[in-house]
Amino acid sequence: MTTQTIGQPVPRATSLPASRLWTGRVLTVIPILFLLFDGAAKVMNVAPVRETMAQLGYLADVGVGIGIILLACVALYAIPRTSVLGAILLTGYLGGAIATHVRIGSPLFSHTLFPIYIAAMVWSGLYLRDARLRALLPLRAAD
């Protein structure tokens, strides 16, 4: 086993097992599709979104700005060169969603923890697809 030192480039041409690659792709596409739908609905400012924003304690007009921010974060995540930055920004966005649901007392498993499920898929998909991230955060076997 070779050790990786800081400053050494991680080879990009490493081949991944097909199962790992496809699992990573699926775990990447699912949150992208969900968040694109959510962001687009907020940008379109449809009536159900305005009602939900009011229930969450936000002004109805704030949804459009939140949707634009979400779509920008998703775009960064979907582009391979900026996917780590996108994942970091989406983590912050989803943390805000968790805080909102905690503040209003939403049900735990269906509403409050749902952003954690999405974030877990975002990071799992990225981890499985990106050798640089695996080199930065290696999982070690139990001793």
N, C-alpha and C. Protein backbone atom coordinates (compact mmCIF):
# COMPACT_ATOMS: atom_id res chain seq x y z
N MET A 1 0.85 -1.17 0.00
CA MET A 1 0.00 0.00 0.00
C MET A 1 0.90 1.24 0.00
N THR A 2 0.63 2.18 -0.86
CA THR A 2 1.42 3.39 -0.91
C THR A 2 0.78 4.45 -0.04
N THR A 3 1.61 5.32 0.51
CA THR A 3 1.09 6.39 1.33
C THR A 3 1.03 7.66 0.50
N GLN A 4 0.05 8.47 0.79
CA GLN A 4 -0.16 9.73 0.08
C GLN A 4 0.33 10.86 0.97
N THR A 5 1.22 11.70 0.47
CA THR A 5 1.67 12.84 1.24
C THR A 5 1.04 14.10 0.67
N ILE A 6 0.97 15.10 1.51
CA ILE A 6 0.38 16.37 1.10
C ILE A 6 1.19 16.94 -0.05
N GLY A 7 0.50 17.43 -1.05
CA GLY A 7 1.15 18.04 -2.19
C GLY A 7 1.33 17.11 -3.37
N GLN A 8 1.23 15.79 -3.14
CA GLN A 8 1.34 14.87 -4.25
C GLN A 8 -0.01 14.77 -4.96
N PRO A 9 0.01 14.84 -6.28
CA PRO A 9 -1.27 14.72 -7.00
C PRO A 9 -1.80 13.30 -6.92
N VAL A 10 -3.10 13.20 -6.86
CA VAL A 10 -3.76 11.89 -6.88
C VAL A 10 -4.01 11.55 -8.34
N PRO A 11 -3.59 10.39 -8.79
CA PRO A 11 -3.80 10.06 -10.19
C PRO A 11 -5.28 10.01 -10.53
N ARG A 12 -5.65 10.62 -11.64
CA ARG A 12 -7.04 10.64 -12.08
C ARG A 12 -7.41 9.39 -12.87
N ALA A 13 -6.44 8.69 -13.40
CA ALA A 13 -6.72 7.58 -14.29
C ALA A 13 -6.96 6.27 -13.54
N THR A 14 -7.11 6.34 -12.23
CA THR A 14 -7.36 5.10 -11.49
C THR A 14 -8.72 4.56 -11.88
N SER A 15 -8.76 3.28 -12.13
CA SER A 15 -10.02 2.68 -12.53
C SER A 15 -10.79 2.26 -11.28
N LEU A 16 -12.06 2.56 -11.31
CA LEU A 16 -12.93 2.18 -10.22
C LEU A 16 -13.67 0.91 -10.59
N PRO A 17 -13.99 0.08 -9.62
CA PRO A 17 -14.87 -1.04 -9.93
C PRO A 17 -16.20 -0.50 -10.46
N ALA A 18 -16.76 -1.18 -11.43
CA ALA A 18 -18.00 -0.71 -12.06
C ALA A 18 -19.12 -0.53 -11.04
N SER A 19 -19.21 -1.42 -10.07
CA SER A 19 -20.28 -1.30 -9.08
C SER A 19 -20.12 -0.03 -8.25
N ARG A 20 -18.90 0.32 -7.88
CA ARG A 20 -18.66 1.53 -7.10
C ARG A 20 -18.99 2.77 -7.93
N LEU A 21 -18.57 2.76 -9.17
CA LEU A 21 -18.82 3.90 -10.05
C LEU A 21 -20.31 4.11 -10.26
N TRP A 22 -21.06 3.06 -10.55
CA TRP A 22 -22.49 3.21 -10.80
C TRP A 22 -23.26 3.53 -9.52
N THR A 23 -22.85 2.97 -8.41
CA THR A 23 -23.49 3.34 -7.14
C THR A 23 -23.26 4.81 -6.86
N GLY A 24 -22.03 5.29 -7.09
CA GLY A 24 -21.73 6.71 -6.91
C GLY A 24 -22.55 7.59 -7.82
N ARG A 25 -22.71 7.17 -9.07
CA ARG A 25 -23.52 7.95 -10.01
C ARG A 25 -24.97 8.03 -9.58
N VAL A 26 -25.53 6.90 -9.17
CA VAL A 26 -26.93 6.88 -8.73
C VAL A 26 -27.11 7.75 -7.50
N LEU A 27 -26.17 7.62 -6.54
CA LEU A 27 -26.26 8.43 -5.32
C LEU A 27 -26.01 9.91 -5.60
N THR A 28 -25.48 10.24 -6.74
CA THR A 28 -25.29 11.62 -7.15
C THR A 28 -26.53 12.15 -7.86
N VAL A 29 -27.10 11.35 -8.74
CA VAL A 29 -28.23 11.80 -9.56
C VAL A 29 -29.50 11.98 -8.74
N ILE A 30 -29.75 11.12 -7.79
CA ILE A 30 -30.99 11.21 -7.00
C ILE A 30 -31.11 12.57 -6.31
N PRO A 31 -30.11 13.02 -5.54
CA PRO A 31 -30.27 14.33 -4.91
C PRO A 31 -30.27 15.48 -5.93
N ILE A 32 -29.52 15.33 -7.03
CA ILE A 32 -29.54 16.38 -8.04
C ILE A 32 -30.95 16.56 -8.59
N LEU A 33 -31.60 15.47 -8.96
CA LEU A 33 -32.96 15.58 -9.50
C LEU A 33 -33.93 16.16 -8.48
N PHE A 34 -33.86 15.67 -7.25
CA PHE A 34 -34.76 16.18 -6.21
C PHE A 34 -34.54 17.68 -5.98
N LEU A 35 -33.27 18.08 -5.84
CA LEU A 35 -32.97 19.48 -5.54
C LEU A 35 -33.24 20.39 -6.73
N LEU A 36 -33.06 19.90 -7.96
CA LEU A 36 -33.43 20.69 -9.14
C LEU A 36 -34.94 20.95 -9.14
N PHE A 37 -35.72 19.93 -8.86
CA PHE A 37 -37.17 20.10 -8.79
C PHE A 37 -37.55 21.10 -7.71
N ASP A 38 -36.95 20.96 -6.54
CA ASP A 38 -37.24 21.85 -5.42
C ASP A 38 -36.85 23.29 -5.75
N GLY A 39 -35.66 23.48 -6.31
CA GLY A 39 -35.19 24.82 -6.66
C GLY A 39 -36.04 25.45 -7.74
N ALA A 40 -36.41 24.66 -8.76
CA ALA A 40 -37.24 25.19 -9.85
C ALA A 40 -38.62 25.60 -9.33
N ALA A 41 -39.20 24.81 -8.45
CA ALA A 41 -40.51 25.16 -7.88
C ALA A 41 -40.43 26.46 -7.09
N LYS A 42 -39.33 26.65 -6.36
CA LYS A 42 -39.16 27.89 -5.61
C LYS A 42 -38.99 29.09 -6.55
N VAL A 43 -38.20 28.93 -7.61
CA VAL A 43 -37.98 30.02 -8.55
C VAL A 43 -39.29 30.38 -9.27
N MET A 44 -40.09 29.38 -9.61
CA MET A 44 -41.37 29.65 -10.29
C MET A 44 -42.39 30.26 -9.33
N ASN A 45 -42.13 30.18 -8.03
CA ASN A 45 -42.97 30.81 -7.01
C ASN A 45 -44.43 30.38 -7.13
N VAL A 46 -44.65 29.08 -7.30
CA VAL A 46 -46.01 28.56 -7.41
C VAL A 46 -46.72 28.64 -6.07
N ALA A 47 -48.04 28.58 -6.10
CA ALA A 47 -48.84 28.76 -4.89
C ALA A 47 -48.47 27.80 -3.76
N PRO A 48 -48.28 26.49 -4.03
CA PRO A 48 -47.91 25.60 -2.92
C PRO A 48 -46.59 25.99 -2.25
N VAL A 49 -45.65 26.50 -3.04
CA VAL A 49 -44.37 26.93 -2.47
C VAL A 49 -44.59 28.16 -1.59
N ARG A 50 -45.38 29.11 -2.05
CA ARG A 50 -45.66 30.30 -1.23
C ARG A 50 -46.34 29.92 0.08
N GLU A 51 -47.27 28.97 0.01
CA GLU A 51 -47.97 28.52 1.22
C GLU A 51 -47.00 27.83 2.18
N THR A 52 -46.14 26.98 1.64
CA THR A 52 -45.17 26.27 2.48
C THR A 52 -44.18 27.24 3.10
N MET A 53 -43.73 28.23 2.33
CA MET A 53 -42.80 29.22 2.88
C MET A 53 -43.46 29.95 4.04
N ALA A 54 -44.73 30.29 3.91
CA ALA A 54 -45.45 30.97 4.99
C ALA A 54 -45.55 30.05 6.22
N GLN A 55 -45.84 28.76 6.01
CA GLN A 55 -45.92 27.81 7.12
C GLN A 55 -44.58 27.67 7.84
N LEU A 56 -43.49 27.82 7.07
CA LEU A 56 -42.16 27.70 7.66
C LEU A 56 -41.70 29.00 8.32
N GLY A 57 -42.50 30.05 8.19
CA GLY A 57 -42.18 31.32 8.83
C GLY A 57 -41.39 32.28 7.96
N TYR A 58 -41.35 32.04 6.66
CA TYR A 58 -40.64 32.93 5.74
C TYR A 58 -41.63 33.76 4.95
N LEU A 59 -41.19 34.93 4.52
CA LEU A 59 -42.00 35.72 3.61
C LEU A 59 -42.10 34.99 2.28
N ALA A 60 -43.22 35.12 1.60
CA ALA A 60 -43.46 34.40 0.36
C ALA A 60 -42.43 34.75 -0.71
N ASP A 61 -41.97 35.99 -0.75
CA ASP A 61 -41.04 36.43 -1.78
C ASP A 61 -39.63 35.87 -1.61
N VAL A 62 -39.31 35.37 -0.44
CA VAL A 62 -37.97 34.85 -0.17
C VAL A 62 -37.71 33.56 -0.93
N GLY A 63 -38.75 32.84 -1.28
CA GLY A 63 -38.60 31.56 -1.96
C GLY A 63 -37.84 31.64 -3.27
N VAL A 64 -38.05 32.70 -4.03
CA VAL A 64 -37.36 32.84 -5.31
C VAL A 64 -35.85 32.94 -5.09
N GLY A 65 -35.42 33.75 -4.16
CA GLY A 65 -33.99 33.89 -3.86
C GLY A 65 -33.39 32.59 -3.36
N ILE A 66 -34.12 31.91 -2.49
CA ILE A 66 -33.64 30.62 -1.97
C ILE A 66 -33.53 29.61 -3.11
N GLY A 67 -34.50 29.63 -4.02
CA GLY A 67 -34.46 28.72 -5.16
C GLY A 67 -33.27 28.98 -6.07
N ILE A 68 -32.95 30.25 -6.29
CA ILE A 68 -31.80 30.59 -7.13
C ILE A 68 -30.51 30.11 -6.48
N ILE A 69 -30.39 30.33 -5.18
CA ILE A 69 -29.21 29.86 -4.45
C ILE A 69 -29.09 28.34 -4.54
N LEU A 70 -30.21 27.66 -4.35
CA LEU A 70 -30.21 26.19 -4.42
C LEU A 70 -29.79 25.71 -5.80
N LEU A 71 -30.33 26.30 -6.85
CA LEU A 71 -29.99 25.88 -8.21
C LEU A 71 -28.51 26.13 -8.51
N ALA A 72 -27.97 27.23 -7.99
CA ALA A 72 -26.53 27.51 -8.19
C ALA A 72 -25.68 26.46 -7.48
N CYS A 73 -26.06 26.09 -6.27
CA CYS A 73 -25.32 25.06 -5.52
C CYS A 73 -25.39 23.71 -6.22
N VAL A 74 -26.57 23.36 -6.74
CA VAL A 74 -26.74 22.09 -7.45
C VAL A 74 -25.90 22.09 -8.72
N ALA A 75 -25.86 23.21 -9.43
CA ALA A 75 -25.05 23.29 -10.64
C ALA A 75 -23.58 23.07 -10.32
N LEU A 76 -23.10 23.69 -9.25
CA LEU A 76 -21.71 23.47 -8.85
C LEU A 76 -21.44 22.02 -8.49
N TYR A 77 -22.39 21.38 -7.84
CA TYR A 77 -22.24 19.97 -7.47
C TYR A 77 -22.27 19.07 -8.70
N ALA A 78 -23.06 19.41 -9.69
CA ALA A 78 -23.21 18.57 -10.88
C ALA A 78 -21.99 18.65 -11.81
N ILE A 79 -21.23 19.73 -11.73
CA ILE A 79 -20.05 19.88 -12.57
C ILE A 79 -18.88 19.20 -11.88
N PRO A 80 -18.25 18.21 -12.52
CA PRO A 80 -17.19 17.44 -11.84
C PRO A 80 -16.07 18.29 -11.25
N ARG A 81 -15.63 19.33 -11.93
CA ARG A 81 -14.51 20.14 -11.41
C ARG A 81 -14.87 20.92 -10.15
N THR A 82 -16.15 21.22 -9.96
CA THR A 82 -16.58 22.01 -8.80
C THR A 82 -17.48 21.22 -7.85
N SER A 83 -17.50 19.90 -8.01
CA SER A 83 -18.44 19.09 -7.23
C SER A 83 -18.19 19.14 -5.72
N VAL A 84 -16.94 19.22 -5.31
CA VAL A 84 -16.66 19.29 -3.87
C VAL A 84 -17.17 20.62 -3.30
N LEU A 85 -16.91 21.72 -3.99
CA LEU A 85 -17.45 23.01 -3.56
C LEU A 85 -18.98 22.96 -3.51
N GLY A 86 -19.59 22.38 -4.53
CA GLY A 86 -21.05 22.25 -4.55
C GLY A 86 -21.56 21.43 -3.38
N ALA A 87 -20.87 20.35 -3.05
CA ALA A 87 -21.28 19.51 -1.92
C ALA A 87 -21.18 20.28 -0.60
N ILE A 88 -20.13 21.07 -0.46
CA ILE A 88 -19.97 21.88 0.76
C ILE A 88 -21.10 22.90 0.86
N LEU A 89 -21.40 23.59 -0.23
CA LEU A 89 -22.47 24.59 -0.23
C LEU A 89 -23.84 23.94 0.00
N LEU A 90 -24.06 22.79 -0.61
CA LEU A 90 -25.33 22.09 -0.38
C LEU A 90 -25.45 21.64 1.08
N THR A 91 -24.35 21.27 1.70
CA THR A 91 -24.38 20.90 3.11
C THR A 91 -24.86 22.08 3.96
N GLY A 92 -24.35 23.27 3.66
CA GLY A 92 -24.81 24.46 4.37
C GLY A 92 -26.28 24.74 4.12
N TYR A 93 -26.70 24.64 2.87
CA TYR A 93 -28.11 24.86 2.52
C TYR A 93 -29.01 23.87 3.28
N LEU A 94 -28.63 22.60 3.25
CA LEU A 94 -29.43 21.57 3.91
C LEU A 94 -29.41 21.73 5.42
N GLY A 95 -28.31 22.25 5.97
CA GLY A 95 -28.27 22.55 7.40
C GLY A 95 -29.30 23.62 7.77
N GLY A 96 -29.47 24.60 6.90
CA GLY A 96 -30.50 25.62 7.12
C GLY A 96 -31.89 25.02 7.08
N ALA A 97 -32.10 24.06 6.20
CA ALA A 97 -33.40 23.39 6.13
C ALA A 97 -33.68 22.62 7.43
N ILE A 98 -32.65 21.97 7.95
CA ILE A 98 -32.81 21.24 9.22
C ILE A 98 -33.17 22.22 10.33
N ALA A 99 -32.45 23.33 10.41
CA ALA A 99 -32.71 24.33 11.45
C ALA A 99 -34.13 24.86 11.35
N THR A 100 -34.61 25.08 10.14
CA THR A 100 -35.97 25.57 9.95
C THR A 100 -36.98 24.57 10.48
N HIS A 101 -36.79 23.29 10.15
CA HIS A 101 -37.74 22.27 10.61
C HIS A 101 -37.67 22.05 12.11
N VAL A 102 -36.49 22.17 12.70
CA VAL A 102 -36.38 22.06 14.16
C VAL A 102 -37.11 23.23 14.81
N ARG A 103 -36.94 24.43 14.25
CA ARG A 103 -37.55 25.63 14.83
C ARG A 103 -39.06 25.55 14.87
N ILE A 104 -39.68 24.98 13.82
CA ILE A 104 -41.15 24.94 13.81
C ILE A 104 -41.71 23.63 14.36
N GLY A 105 -40.83 22.71 14.76
CA GLY A 105 -41.28 21.46 15.37
C GLY A 105 -41.84 20.45 14.39
N SER A 106 -41.26 20.36 13.20
CA SER A 106 -41.70 19.38 12.19
C SER A 106 -41.44 17.96 12.68
N PRO A 107 -42.17 16.98 12.11
CA PRO A 107 -41.91 15.58 12.47
C PRO A 107 -40.45 15.22 12.19
N LEU A 108 -39.86 14.42 13.07
CA LEU A 108 -38.43 14.13 13.01
C LEU A 108 -38.01 13.38 11.75
N PHE A 109 -38.54 12.19 11.52
CA PHE A 109 -38.02 11.34 10.45
C PHE A 109 -38.46 11.78 9.05
N SER A 110 -39.65 12.32 8.92
CA SER A 110 -40.14 12.68 7.59
C SER A 110 -39.71 14.07 7.14
N HIS A 111 -39.49 15.00 8.05
CA HIS A 111 -39.18 16.37 7.66
C HIS A 111 -37.80 16.83 8.16
N THR A 112 -37.57 16.73 9.46
CA THR A 112 -36.34 17.27 10.04
C THR A 112 -35.11 16.52 9.56
N LEU A 113 -35.16 15.21 9.49
CA LEU A 113 -33.99 14.43 9.08
C LEU A 113 -33.88 14.25 7.57
N PHE A 114 -34.90 14.62 6.81
CA PHE A 114 -34.85 14.43 5.36
C PHE A 114 -33.65 15.14 4.72
N PRO A 115 -33.31 16.38 5.11
CA PRO A 115 -32.11 16.99 4.53
C PRO A 115 -30.83 16.20 4.84
N ILE A 116 -30.79 15.50 5.96
CA ILE A 116 -29.63 14.68 6.27
C ILE A 116 -29.56 13.49 5.32
N TYR A 117 -30.70 12.93 4.98
CA TYR A 117 -30.72 11.83 4.01
C TYR A 117 -30.17 12.31 2.66
N ILE A 118 -30.59 13.49 2.24
CA ILE A 118 -30.12 14.06 0.96
C ILE A 118 -28.61 14.33 1.05
N ALA A 119 -28.16 14.94 2.14
CA ALA A 119 -26.73 15.24 2.30
C ALA A 119 -25.90 13.96 2.31
N ALA A 120 -26.41 12.91 2.93
CA ALA A 120 -25.69 11.64 2.95
C ALA A 120 -25.53 11.08 1.54
N MET A 121 -26.57 11.23 0.71
CA MET A 121 -26.46 10.79 -0.68
C MET A 121 -25.48 11.66 -1.46
N VAL A 122 -25.51 12.97 -1.22
CA VAL A 122 -24.59 13.89 -1.91
C VAL A 122 -23.15 13.48 -1.63
N TRP A 123 -22.80 13.33 -0.36
CA TRP A 123 -21.42 13.02 0.00
C TRP A 123 -21.03 11.58 -0.33
N SER A 124 -21.95 10.63 -0.17
CA SER A 124 -21.65 9.24 -0.51
C SER A 124 -21.38 9.09 -2.00
N GLY A 125 -22.22 9.71 -2.81
CA GLY A 125 -22.01 9.64 -4.25
C GLY A 125 -20.69 10.26 -4.66
N LEU A 126 -20.37 11.39 -4.07
CA LEU A 126 -19.11 12.06 -4.39
C LEU A 126 -17.92 11.22 -3.92
N TYR A 127 -18.02 10.65 -2.74
CA TYR A 127 -16.94 9.84 -2.18
C TYR A 127 -16.66 8.62 -3.06
N LEU A 128 -17.71 7.99 -3.53
CA LEU A 128 -17.54 6.80 -4.36
C LEU A 128 -16.97 7.13 -5.74
N ARG A 129 -17.25 8.33 -6.25
CA ARG A 129 -16.80 8.70 -7.60
C ARG A 129 -15.45 9.40 -7.64
N ASP A 130 -15.04 10.04 -6.55
CA ASP A 130 -13.88 10.94 -6.60
C ASP A 130 -12.69 10.37 -5.81
N ALA A 131 -11.65 10.00 -6.54
CA ALA A 131 -10.45 9.43 -5.90
C ALA A 131 -9.76 10.44 -5.01
N ARG A 132 -9.82 11.72 -5.37
CA ARG A 132 -9.17 12.76 -4.55
C ARG A 132 -9.83 12.85 -3.19
N LEU A 133 -11.15 12.75 -3.15
CA LEU A 133 -11.87 12.81 -1.87
C LEU A 133 -11.57 11.57 -1.04
N ARG A 134 -11.50 10.41 -1.69
CA ARG A 134 -11.16 9.18 -0.95
C ARG A 134 -9.74 9.25 -0.40
N ALA A 135 -8.83 9.89 -1.13
CA ALA A 135 -7.45 10.03 -0.63
C ALA A 135 -7.40 11.01 0.54
N LEU A 136 -8.25 12.03 0.49
CA LEU A 136 -8.29 13.02 1.56
C LEU A 136 -8.95 12.47 2.82
N LEU A 137 -9.96 11.64 2.65
CA LEU A 137 -10.71 11.07 3.77
C LEU A 137 -10.74 9.55 3.66
N PRO A 138 -9.62 8.89 3.90
CA PRO A 138 -9.61 7.43 3.74
C PRO A 138 -10.39 6.74 4.86
N LEU A 139 -11.17 5.75 4.48
CA LEU A 139 -11.84 4.93 5.47
C LEU A 139 -10.90 3.82 5.85
N ARG A 140 -10.76 3.59 7.13
CA ARG A 140 -9.82 2.59 7.60
C ARG A 140 -10.58 1.41 8.20
N ALA A 141 -10.02 0.23 8.03
CA ALA A 141 -10.60 -0.96 8.62
C ALA A 141 -10.38 -0.93 10.12
N ALA A 142 -11.30 -1.52 10.85
CA ALA A 142 -11.16 -1.60 12.30
C ALA A 142 -9.98 -2.49 12.65
N ASP A 143 -9.21 -2.07 13.64
CA ASP A 143 -8.02 -2.84 14.05
C ASP A 143 -8.39 -3.96 14.97
